[in-house]
Amino acid sequence: MADSVQGRLKVGLVIGLLAVASLLALAWVDAGVEPVRPLTAPATLPEAAR
């Protein structure tokens, strides 16, 4: 029982961190700051997001 609870907590923590990171990224783009693109991201990604 404890293992499944810990697993759920870990999954919830990861999902929560991803949600916070995505919200921060959206706020950062809305503020007009150009985020540093990963090298694997296509160059047209920021233009498509605007």
C-alpha atoms as a PDB file:
ATOM      1  CA  MET A   1       0.000   0.000   0.000  1.00  0.00           C
ATOM      2  CA  ALA A   2       2.762   2.426   0.930  1.00  0.00           C
ATOM      3  CA  ASP A   3       4.587   1.775  -2.340  1.00  0.00           C
ATOM      4  CA  SER A   4       1.570   2.705  -4.430  1.00  0.00           C
ATOM      5  CA  VAL A   5       1.007   5.846  -2.353  1.00  0.00           C
ATOM      6  CA  GLN A   6       4.631   6.889  -2.806  1.00  0.00           C
ATOM      7  CA  GLY A   7       4.358   6.201  -6.538  1.00  0.00           C
ATOM      8  CA  ARG A   8       1.266   8.374  -6.772  1.00  0.00           C
ATOM      9  CA  LEU A   9       2.995  11.144  -4.844  1.00  0.00           C
ATOM     10  CA  LYS A  10       5.988  11.007  -7.174  1.00  0.00           C
ATOM     11  CA  VAL A  11       3.754  11.096 -10.257  1.00  0.00           C
ATOM     12  CA  GLY A  12       1.782  13.982  -8.794  1.00  0.00           C
ATOM     13  CA  LEU A  13       4.972  15.856  -7.985  1.00  0.00           C
ATOM     14  CA  VAL A  14       6.306  15.400 -11.529  1.00  0.00           C
ATOM     15  CA  ILE A  15       2.998  16.515 -13.067  1.00  0.00           C
ATOM     16  CA  GLY A  16       2.862  19.504 -10.735  1.00  0.00           C
ATOM     17  CA  LEU A  17       6.418  20.541 -11.598  1.00  0.00           C
ATOM     18  CA  LEU A  18       5.677  20.214 -15.315  1.00  0.00           C
ATOM     19  CA  ALA A  19       2.535  22.310 -14.937  1.00  0.00           C
ATOM     20  CA  VAL A  20       4.403  25.030 -13.024  1.00  0.00           C
ATOM     21  CA  ALA A  21       7.231  24.999 -15.573  1.00  0.00           C
ATOM     22  CA  SER A  22       4.794  25.310 -18.481  1.00  0.00           C
ATOM     23  CA  LEU A  23       2.953  28.186 -16.785  1.00  0.00           C
ATOM     24  CA  LEU A  24       6.249  29.969 -16.121  1.00  0.00           C
ATOM     25  CA  ALA A  25       7.269  29.472 -19.754  1.00  0.00           C
ATOM     26  CA  LEU A  26       3.935  30.882 -20.974  1.00  0.00           C
ATOM     27  CA  ALA A  27       4.243  33.893 -18.671  1.00  0.00           C
ATOM     28  CA  TRP A  28       7.837  34.396 -19.846  1.00  0.00           C
ATOM     29  CA  VAL A  29       6.799  34.358 -23.515  1.00  0.00           C
ATOM     30  CA  ASP A  30       3.854  36.664 -22.777  1.00  0.00           C
ATOM     31  CA  ALA A  31       6.264  39.094 -21.109  1.00  0.00           C
ATOM     32  CA  GLY A  32       8.100  39.364 -24.416  1.00  0.00           C
ATOM     33  CA  VAL A  33      11.274  37.564 -23.342  1.00  0.00           C
ATOM     34  CA  GLU A  34      12.637  35.228 -25.988  1.00  0.00           C
ATOM     35  CA  PRO A  35      13.267  31.889 -24.255  1.00  0.00           C
ATOM     36  CA  VAL A  36      16.427  29.996 -25.095  1.00  0.00           C
ATOM     37  CA  ARG A  37      15.429  27.268 -27.530  1.00  0.00           C
ATOM     38  CA  PRO A  38      16.749  23.750 -27.146  1.00  0.00           C
ATOM     39  CA  LEU A  39      18.976  22.759 -30.059  1.00  0.00           C
ATOM     40  CA  THR A  40      16.470  20.060 -31.051  1.00  0.00           C
ATOM     41  CA  ALA A  41      13.543  22.500 -31.313  1.00  0.00           C
ATOM     42  CA  PRO A  42      12.696  23.777 -34.777  1.00  0.00           C
ATOM     43  CA  ALA A  43      13.493  27.429 -35.424  1.00  0.00           C
ATOM     44  CA  THR A  44       9.854  28.119 -36.342  1.00  0.00           C
ATOM     45  CA  LEU A  45       8.540  27.182 -32.882  1.00  0.00           C
ATOM     46  CA  PRO A  46       8.562  30.710 -31.340  1.00  0.00           C
ATOM     47  CA  GLU A  47       6.959  32.221 -34.432  1.00  0.00           C
ATOM     48  CA  ALA A  48       4.199  29.602 -34.296  1.00  0.00           C
ATOM     49  CA  ALA A  49       3.616  30.300 -30.593  1.00  0.00           C
ATOM     50  CA  ARG A  50       2.954  33.994 -31.236  1.00  0.00           C
END
